[in-house]
Each structure stands twice: as structure tokens, then as C-alpha cells.
Amino acid sequence: MKRLVLMLFSFAYLTSCTSDDDAGSLTPNLAAVLSVTFPDSFVHAQAYGIEIIYKRPTNCDHFTGFDISKDENEIFIGVVCSYHTSNTNCVDTGNLQDSVTLNFVAERDDFYIFNFWQGKNALGEDEFLIIEIPVTQP
């Protein structure tokens, strides 16, 4: 009986791990940030949920995470969306606006400068929504 259960489990495991060639590969894109909701200030050591409204690059793109880099008190944030390359009917028009919450803890005791990626300008240079938030003591 144990052998039968082991064989069934093994068969289920092996067949569930087969690759799906029709799914295509996952391709990431940065999504332009449209607006961000912040409090007037942070309280040191407190957690916050920062609402970010962004525009998906196409109707096939879905939120997959954040691209975040820090340099002292300056934080650069990009919203990352991804789509399967097997999707061939993606469009970049229509209601592509979406929102996501970034969880943040104010660890510094002075201020933060947030730089949210908004896209590229006509010269191909990155543009950012820049917001400075002071940090107060509890």
C-alpha cells in the first residue's frame, strides 16, 4: 500500500512539473507612476502603506513587484509589471491605470527623498516624481 501511495505521489509530482511551452516567457516592464499618496510627515520607527497609482504598459501587464534602490536617505522606486510573451493581442490603450501599496518603515530620523519612476522624456532620459518627506520623533 505504501508503494502505491508513493508511486501515485511521484507520478503527480513529475507530471505537475512539466514545462508548458505554450505559456511563453515572462517579460518585465517598468510602469509609469502617475501619483503617490503620502502623509505630511513620517513618525520615526512607524510603518506606513504608501498608495502608488501607475499606468500598466499594456493590458497584458500585471504588477509583479518593485525595483528599489537606496542611497542614504534617497530612495528610487520603480513599479515592475510583467507579461507572458505568448500574449499576442496586447494593447497599450484603454483603462490601464492600477494601484498598489508599498509598505514602508521610517527608519531614519531626519527625512526621505522618494524618486518614483515616471517614464522617459523625448531625449530618452528617465523622469521621476520627487517627493521629500520629513521624519518626526514619536
N, C-alpha and C. Protein backbone atom coordinates (compact mmCIF):
# COMPACT_ATOMS: atom_id res chain seq x y z
N MET A 1 0.82 -1.19 0.00
CA MET A 1 0.00 0.00 0.00
C MET A 1 0.87 1.26 0.00
N LYS A 2 1.95 1.23 0.82
CA LYS A 2 2.82 2.40 0.87
C LYS A 2 3.47 2.65 -0.49
N ARG A 3 3.82 1.57 -1.20
CA ARG A 3 4.43 1.71 -2.52
C ARG A 3 3.46 2.36 -3.50
N LEU A 4 2.20 1.98 -3.43
CA LEU A 4 1.19 2.53 -4.33
C LEU A 4 1.02 4.03 -4.08
N VAL A 5 0.95 4.42 -2.82
CA VAL A 5 0.82 5.83 -2.47
C VAL A 5 2.07 6.59 -2.93
N LEU A 6 3.24 6.02 -2.70
CA LEU A 6 4.48 6.66 -3.13
C LEU A 6 4.53 6.81 -4.65
N MET A 7 4.11 5.78 -5.37
CA MET A 7 4.11 5.85 -6.84
C MET A 7 3.12 6.89 -7.34
N LEU A 8 1.93 6.94 -6.75
CA LEU A 8 0.95 7.95 -7.15
C LEU A 8 1.45 9.37 -6.85
N PHE A 9 2.05 9.55 -5.69
CA PHE A 9 2.60 10.84 -5.33
C PHE A 9 3.71 11.24 -6.30
N SER A 10 4.60 10.30 -6.62
CA SER A 10 5.69 10.56 -7.55
C SER A 10 5.17 10.92 -8.93
N PHE A 11 4.18 10.19 -9.41
CA PHE A 11 3.60 10.47 -10.72
C PHE A 11 2.97 11.87 -10.75
N ALA A 12 2.21 12.20 -9.71
CA ALA A 12 1.59 13.52 -9.65
C ALA A 12 2.64 14.61 -9.60
N TYR A 13 3.69 14.42 -8.85
CA TYR A 13 4.76 15.40 -8.74
C TYR A 13 5.46 15.61 -10.07
N LEU A 14 5.81 14.52 -10.74
CA LEU A 14 6.54 14.62 -12.01
C LEU A 14 5.69 15.22 -13.11
N THR A 15 4.42 14.89 -13.17
CA THR A 15 3.58 15.44 -14.24
C THR A 15 3.22 16.89 -13.97
N SER A 16 3.21 17.31 -12.72
CA SER A 16 2.90 18.71 -12.43
C SER A 16 4.09 19.62 -12.69
N CYS A 17 5.28 19.07 -12.84
CA CYS A 17 6.48 19.87 -13.05
C CYS A 17 6.90 19.95 -14.51
N THR A 18 6.09 19.46 -15.42
CA THR A 18 6.47 19.54 -16.82
C THR A 18 6.35 20.98 -17.29
N SER A 19 7.20 21.36 -18.24
CA SER A 19 7.16 22.73 -18.72
C SER A 19 6.02 22.92 -19.68
N ASP A 20 5.50 24.13 -19.72
CA ASP A 20 4.41 24.47 -20.61
C ASP A 20 4.98 25.40 -21.68
N ASP A 21 5.36 24.85 -22.82
CA ASP A 21 5.98 25.64 -23.87
C ASP A 21 5.05 26.69 -24.44
N ASP A 22 3.74 26.51 -24.31
CA ASP A 22 2.80 27.47 -24.87
C ASP A 22 2.66 28.72 -24.00
N ALA A 23 3.15 28.68 -22.77
CA ALA A 23 2.98 29.81 -21.86
C ALA A 23 3.88 30.97 -22.22
N GLY A 24 4.99 30.76 -22.91
CA GLY A 24 5.91 31.84 -23.23
C GLY A 24 6.72 32.22 -22.02
N SER A 25 7.64 33.12 -22.23
CA SER A 25 8.46 33.56 -21.11
C SER A 25 7.88 34.84 -20.53
N LEU A 26 8.25 35.13 -19.31
CA LEU A 26 7.77 36.32 -18.62
C LEU A 26 8.70 37.48 -18.91
N THR A 27 8.15 38.60 -19.37
CA THR A 27 8.95 39.77 -19.72
C THR A 27 8.57 40.93 -18.80
N PRO A 28 9.54 41.49 -18.07
CA PRO A 28 9.25 42.61 -17.16
C PRO A 28 9.29 43.96 -17.89
N ASN A 29 8.49 44.89 -17.39
CA ASN A 29 8.46 46.27 -17.87
C ASN A 29 8.34 47.19 -16.66
N LEU A 30 8.90 48.39 -16.76
CA LEU A 30 8.63 49.40 -15.75
C LEU A 30 7.34 50.12 -16.11
N ALA A 31 6.53 50.38 -15.11
CA ALA A 31 5.26 51.08 -15.30
C ALA A 31 5.40 52.51 -14.78
N ALA A 32 4.89 53.46 -15.53
CA ALA A 32 4.98 54.87 -15.14
C ALA A 32 4.11 55.16 -13.93
N VAL A 33 4.70 55.78 -12.91
CA VAL A 33 3.95 56.18 -11.72
C VAL A 33 3.20 57.47 -12.04
N LEU A 34 1.90 57.49 -11.76
CA LEU A 34 1.07 58.66 -12.03
C LEU A 34 0.93 59.54 -10.80
N SER A 35 0.73 58.91 -9.64
CA SER A 35 0.60 59.68 -8.40
C SER A 35 0.90 58.78 -7.21
N VAL A 36 1.18 59.44 -6.07
CA VAL A 36 1.51 58.73 -4.83
C VAL A 36 0.82 59.44 -3.68
N THR A 37 0.28 58.67 -2.74
CA THR A 37 -0.37 59.23 -1.56
C THR A 37 0.54 59.06 -0.36
N PHE A 38 0.98 60.21 0.20
CA PHE A 38 1.87 60.24 1.36
C PHE A 38 1.24 61.03 2.49
N PRO A 39 1.62 60.73 3.73
CA PRO A 39 1.25 61.64 4.83
C PRO A 39 2.15 62.88 4.74
N ASP A 40 1.83 63.90 5.50
CA ASP A 40 2.65 65.13 5.50
C ASP A 40 4.03 64.87 6.07
N SER A 41 4.11 63.91 7.01
CA SER A 41 5.40 63.54 7.59
C SER A 41 5.31 62.10 8.09
N PHE A 42 6.47 61.51 8.33
CA PHE A 42 6.55 60.19 8.93
C PHE A 42 6.92 60.35 10.39
N VAL A 43 6.50 59.39 11.21
CA VAL A 43 6.94 59.31 12.59
C VAL A 43 8.00 58.21 12.64
N HIS A 44 9.14 58.53 13.21
CA HIS A 44 10.27 57.60 13.27
C HIS A 44 9.83 56.24 13.82
N ALA A 45 10.25 55.16 13.16
CA ALA A 45 10.02 53.77 13.54
C ALA A 45 8.59 53.29 13.32
N GLN A 46 7.74 54.08 12.65
CA GLN A 46 6.39 53.64 12.36
C GLN A 46 6.29 53.11 10.94
N ALA A 47 5.34 52.20 10.71
CA ALA A 47 5.11 51.61 9.40
C ALA A 47 3.99 52.37 8.68
N TYR A 48 4.13 52.43 7.35
CA TYR A 48 3.16 53.13 6.51
C TYR A 48 2.86 52.31 5.27
N GLY A 49 1.66 52.46 4.78
CA GLY A 49 1.27 51.91 3.49
C GLY A 49 1.16 53.07 2.52
N ILE A 50 2.02 53.10 1.52
CA ILE A 50 2.05 54.19 0.55
C ILE A 50 1.34 53.73 -0.71
N GLU A 51 0.23 54.38 -1.04
CA GLU A 51 -0.52 54.00 -2.24
C GLU A 51 0.11 54.63 -3.48
N ILE A 52 0.40 53.79 -4.46
CA ILE A 52 1.01 54.23 -5.71
C ILE A 52 0.03 53.92 -6.85
N ILE A 53 -0.31 54.95 -7.62
CA ILE A 53 -1.15 54.75 -8.80
C ILE A 53 -0.22 54.80 -10.01
N TYR A 54 -0.33 53.78 -10.86
CA TYR A 54 0.57 53.66 -12.01
C TYR A 54 -0.21 53.25 -13.25
N LYS A 55 0.45 53.40 -14.40
CA LYS A 55 -0.15 53.01 -15.67
C LYS A 55 0.57 51.77 -16.19
N ARG A 56 -0.18 50.67 -16.34
CA ARG A 56 0.40 49.45 -16.90
C ARG A 56 0.81 49.71 -18.35
N PRO A 57 1.95 49.20 -18.80
CA PRO A 57 2.40 49.42 -20.17
C PRO A 57 1.42 48.89 -21.23
N THR A 58 0.78 47.73 -20.95
CA THR A 58 -0.24 47.17 -21.83
C THR A 58 -1.31 46.50 -20.98
N ASN A 59 -2.38 46.09 -21.62
CA ASN A 59 -3.44 45.40 -20.88
C ASN A 59 -3.02 43.99 -20.46
N CYS A 60 -1.93 43.48 -21.01
CA CYS A 60 -1.43 42.16 -20.63
C CYS A 60 -0.50 42.21 -19.42
N ASP A 61 0.01 43.39 -19.09
CA ASP A 61 0.95 43.54 -17.97
C ASP A 61 0.21 43.49 -16.64
N HIS A 62 0.85 42.84 -15.65
CA HIS A 62 0.31 42.77 -14.30
C HIS A 62 1.44 43.04 -13.31
N PHE A 63 1.10 43.65 -12.19
CA PHE A 63 2.08 44.00 -11.17
C PHE A 63 2.84 42.76 -10.70
N THR A 64 4.19 42.89 -10.65
CA THR A 64 5.00 41.78 -10.15
C THR A 64 5.95 42.20 -9.04
N GLY A 65 6.09 43.50 -8.77
CA GLY A 65 6.96 43.90 -7.68
C GLY A 65 7.48 45.32 -7.86
N PHE A 66 8.48 45.63 -7.04
CA PHE A 66 9.11 46.95 -7.09
C PHE A 66 10.59 46.79 -7.40
N ASP A 67 11.14 47.78 -8.08
CA ASP A 67 12.58 47.89 -8.27
C ASP A 67 13.00 49.06 -7.38
N ILE A 68 13.70 48.77 -6.29
CA ILE A 68 14.02 49.79 -5.29
C ILE A 68 15.53 49.83 -5.08
N SER A 69 16.06 51.05 -5.08
CA SER A 69 17.46 51.24 -4.71
C SER A 69 17.53 52.42 -3.75
N LYS A 70 18.47 52.34 -2.80
CA LYS A 70 18.62 53.37 -1.77
C LYS A 70 20.02 53.94 -1.80
N ASP A 71 20.11 55.21 -1.49
CA ASP A 71 21.39 55.89 -1.33
C ASP A 71 21.21 56.88 -0.19
N GLU A 72 21.65 56.46 1.01
CA GLU A 72 21.44 57.26 2.23
C GLU A 72 19.94 57.47 2.45
N ASN A 73 19.47 58.72 2.37
CA ASN A 73 18.05 58.99 2.60
C ASN A 73 17.26 59.15 1.30
N GLU A 74 17.89 58.86 0.17
CA GLU A 74 17.21 58.96 -1.12
C GLU A 74 16.86 57.56 -1.60
N ILE A 75 15.60 57.40 -2.02
CA ILE A 75 15.09 56.10 -2.44
C ILE A 75 14.52 56.23 -3.85
N PHE A 76 14.96 55.34 -4.74
CA PHE A 76 14.47 55.30 -6.11
C PHE A 76 13.55 54.09 -6.25
N ILE A 77 12.33 54.32 -6.75
CA ILE A 77 11.33 53.26 -6.80
C ILE A 77 10.73 53.17 -8.20
N GLY A 78 10.73 51.97 -8.73
CA GLY A 78 10.06 51.69 -9.99
C GLY A 78 9.03 50.60 -9.77
N VAL A 79 7.88 50.74 -10.40
CA VAL A 79 6.84 49.71 -10.35
C VAL A 79 7.10 48.75 -11.51
N VAL A 80 7.23 47.46 -11.20
CA VAL A 80 7.54 46.46 -12.23
C VAL A 80 6.28 45.66 -12.55
N CYS A 81 5.97 45.60 -13.84
CA CYS A 81 4.89 44.76 -14.35
C CYS A 81 5.51 43.75 -15.29
N SER A 82 4.82 42.64 -15.50
CA SER A 82 5.31 41.61 -16.41
C SER A 82 4.17 41.06 -17.24
N TYR A 83 4.52 40.49 -18.39
CA TYR A 83 3.55 39.82 -19.23
C TYR A 83 4.20 38.61 -19.88
N HIS A 84 3.38 37.66 -20.30
CA HIS A 84 3.86 36.47 -20.99
C HIS A 84 4.03 36.80 -22.47
N THR A 85 5.17 36.45 -23.03
CA THR A 85 5.43 36.76 -24.44
C THR A 85 4.49 36.01 -25.37
N SER A 86 3.82 34.99 -24.88
CA SER A 86 2.86 34.27 -25.71
C SER A 86 1.59 35.09 -25.95
N ASN A 87 1.37 36.15 -25.16
CA ASN A 87 0.22 37.03 -25.38
C ASN A 87 0.50 37.88 -26.61
N THR A 88 -0.30 37.71 -27.64
CA THR A 88 -0.06 38.43 -28.89
C THR A 88 -1.08 39.52 -29.16
N ASN A 89 -2.09 39.65 -28.33
CA ASN A 89 -3.12 40.64 -28.58
C ASN A 89 -3.11 41.75 -27.51
N CYS A 90 -1.94 42.13 -27.04
CA CYS A 90 -1.82 43.17 -26.02
C CYS A 90 -1.95 44.55 -26.67
N VAL A 91 -2.63 45.45 -25.97
CA VAL A 91 -2.78 46.83 -26.46
C VAL A 91 -2.32 47.79 -25.37
N ASP A 92 -1.87 48.97 -25.80
CA ASP A 92 -1.39 49.96 -24.83
C ASP A 92 -2.35 51.14 -24.69
N THR A 93 -3.63 50.90 -24.98
CA THR A 93 -4.65 51.93 -24.83
C THR A 93 -5.76 51.41 -23.93
N GLY A 94 -6.63 52.32 -23.52
CA GLY A 94 -7.74 51.93 -22.65
C GLY A 94 -7.41 52.24 -21.20
N ASN A 95 -8.21 51.69 -20.29
CA ASN A 95 -8.02 51.94 -18.86
C ASN A 95 -6.91 51.02 -18.34
N LEU A 96 -5.70 51.54 -18.31
CA LEU A 96 -4.55 50.76 -17.86
C LEU A 96 -4.07 51.20 -16.48
N GLN A 97 -4.81 52.10 -15.85
CA GLN A 97 -4.43 52.60 -14.53
C GLN A 97 -4.71 51.54 -13.47
N ASP A 98 -3.78 51.41 -12.52
CA ASP A 98 -3.93 50.45 -11.43
C ASP A 98 -3.25 51.04 -10.20
N SER A 99 -3.40 50.39 -9.07
CA SER A 99 -2.75 50.88 -7.85
C SER A 99 -2.16 49.72 -7.07
N VAL A 100 -1.18 50.06 -6.25
CA VAL A 100 -0.50 49.07 -5.42
C VAL A 100 -0.03 49.80 -4.16
N THR A 101 0.13 49.06 -3.07
CA THR A 101 0.59 49.65 -1.83
C THR A 101 2.01 49.20 -1.53
N LEU A 102 2.86 50.16 -1.25
CA LEU A 102 4.24 49.91 -0.84
C LEU A 102 4.31 50.04 0.67
N ASN A 103 4.72 48.98 1.35
CA ASN A 103 4.88 49.03 2.80
C ASN A 103 6.24 49.63 3.12
N PHE A 104 6.25 50.60 4.04
CA PHE A 104 7.47 51.34 4.34
C PHE A 104 7.56 51.61 5.83
N VAL A 105 8.77 51.46 6.39
CA VAL A 105 9.03 51.79 7.79
C VAL A 105 10.04 52.93 7.82
N ALA A 106 9.71 54.00 8.53
CA ALA A 106 10.60 55.16 8.63
C ALA A 106 11.72 54.84 9.62
N GLU A 107 12.86 54.41 9.11
CA GLU A 107 13.98 54.03 9.95
C GLU A 107 14.92 55.19 10.26
N ARG A 108 14.91 56.19 9.41
CA ARG A 108 15.77 57.37 9.64
C ARG A 108 15.03 58.33 10.56
N ASP A 109 15.74 59.30 11.10
CA ASP A 109 15.09 60.26 11.99
C ASP A 109 15.16 61.69 11.45
N ASP A 110 15.46 61.86 10.13
CA ASP A 110 15.53 63.21 9.59
C ASP A 110 14.54 63.41 8.43
N PHE A 111 14.80 62.84 7.25
CA PHE A 111 13.89 62.97 6.12
C PHE A 111 14.23 61.93 5.05
N TYR A 112 13.29 61.77 4.12
CA TYR A 112 13.47 60.88 2.97
C TYR A 112 13.17 61.66 1.70
N ILE A 113 13.88 61.32 0.64
CA ILE A 113 13.58 61.83 -0.69
C ILE A 113 13.21 60.63 -1.55
N PHE A 114 11.96 60.56 -1.97
CA PHE A 114 11.47 59.47 -2.81
C PHE A 114 11.49 59.91 -4.26
N ASN A 115 12.00 59.04 -5.12
CA ASN A 115 12.04 59.27 -6.56
C ASN A 115 11.27 58.14 -7.24
N PHE A 116 10.07 58.44 -7.73
CA PHE A 116 9.24 57.44 -8.38
C PHE A 116 9.38 57.58 -9.90
N TRP A 117 9.76 56.47 -10.56
CA TRP A 117 9.99 56.50 -12.00
C TRP A 117 8.69 56.77 -12.73
N GLN A 118 8.71 57.79 -13.63
CA GLN A 118 7.52 58.17 -14.39
C GLN A 118 7.65 57.92 -15.88
N GLY A 119 8.79 57.46 -16.32
CA GLY A 119 8.97 57.20 -17.74
C GLY A 119 10.20 57.91 -18.27
N LYS A 120 10.28 57.98 -19.58
CA LYS A 120 11.40 58.65 -20.24
C LYS A 120 10.88 59.85 -21.01
N ASN A 121 11.68 60.93 -21.05
CA ASN A 121 11.30 62.11 -21.80
C ASN A 121 11.68 61.95 -23.27
N ALA A 122 11.51 63.00 -24.07
CA ALA A 122 11.78 62.94 -25.51
C ALA A 122 13.25 62.65 -25.81
N LEU A 123 14.14 62.95 -24.87
CA LEU A 123 15.57 62.69 -25.07
C LEU A 123 15.98 61.31 -24.58
N GLY A 124 15.00 60.54 -24.08
CA GLY A 124 15.29 59.19 -23.59
C GLY A 124 15.83 59.16 -22.18
N GLU A 125 15.70 60.27 -21.45
CA GLU A 125 16.19 60.35 -20.07
C GLU A 125 15.08 59.99 -19.10
N ASP A 126 15.44 59.30 -18.02
CA ASP A 126 14.46 58.94 -17.00
C ASP A 126 13.92 60.18 -16.32
N GLU A 127 12.61 60.17 -16.05
CA GLU A 127 11.97 61.24 -15.30
C GLU A 127 11.37 60.65 -14.04
N PHE A 128 11.38 61.45 -12.96
CA PHE A 128 10.93 60.97 -11.66
C PHE A 128 9.97 61.96 -11.02
N LEU A 129 9.01 61.43 -10.29
CA LEU A 129 8.18 62.20 -9.37
C LEU A 129 8.96 62.22 -8.07
N ILE A 130 9.39 63.41 -7.63
CA ILE A 130 10.26 63.53 -6.46
C ILE A 130 9.47 64.13 -5.31
N ILE A 131 9.48 63.43 -4.19
CA ILE A 131 8.74 63.86 -3.00
C ILE A 131 9.66 63.75 -1.79
N GLU A 132 9.77 64.84 -1.04
CA GLU A 132 10.56 64.84 0.20
C GLU A 132 9.61 64.82 1.38
N ILE A 133 9.86 63.88 2.30
CA ILE A 133 9.00 63.71 3.48
C ILE A 133 9.87 63.81 4.74
N PRO A 134 9.53 64.76 5.63
CA PRO A 134 10.28 64.85 6.89
C PRO A 134 9.87 63.73 7.85
N VAL A 135 10.78 63.41 8.77
CA VAL A 135 10.51 62.40 9.79
C VAL A 135 10.54 63.09 11.15
N THR A 136 9.51 62.83 11.94
CA THR A 136 9.44 63.42 13.28
C THR A 136 9.64 62.33 14.33
N GLN A 137 9.90 62.76 15.55
CA GLN A 137 10.07 61.82 16.66
C GLN A 137 8.70 61.49 17.26
N PRO A 138 8.56 60.28 17.81
CA PRO A 138 7.26 59.90 18.41
C PRO A 138 6.94 60.71 19.64
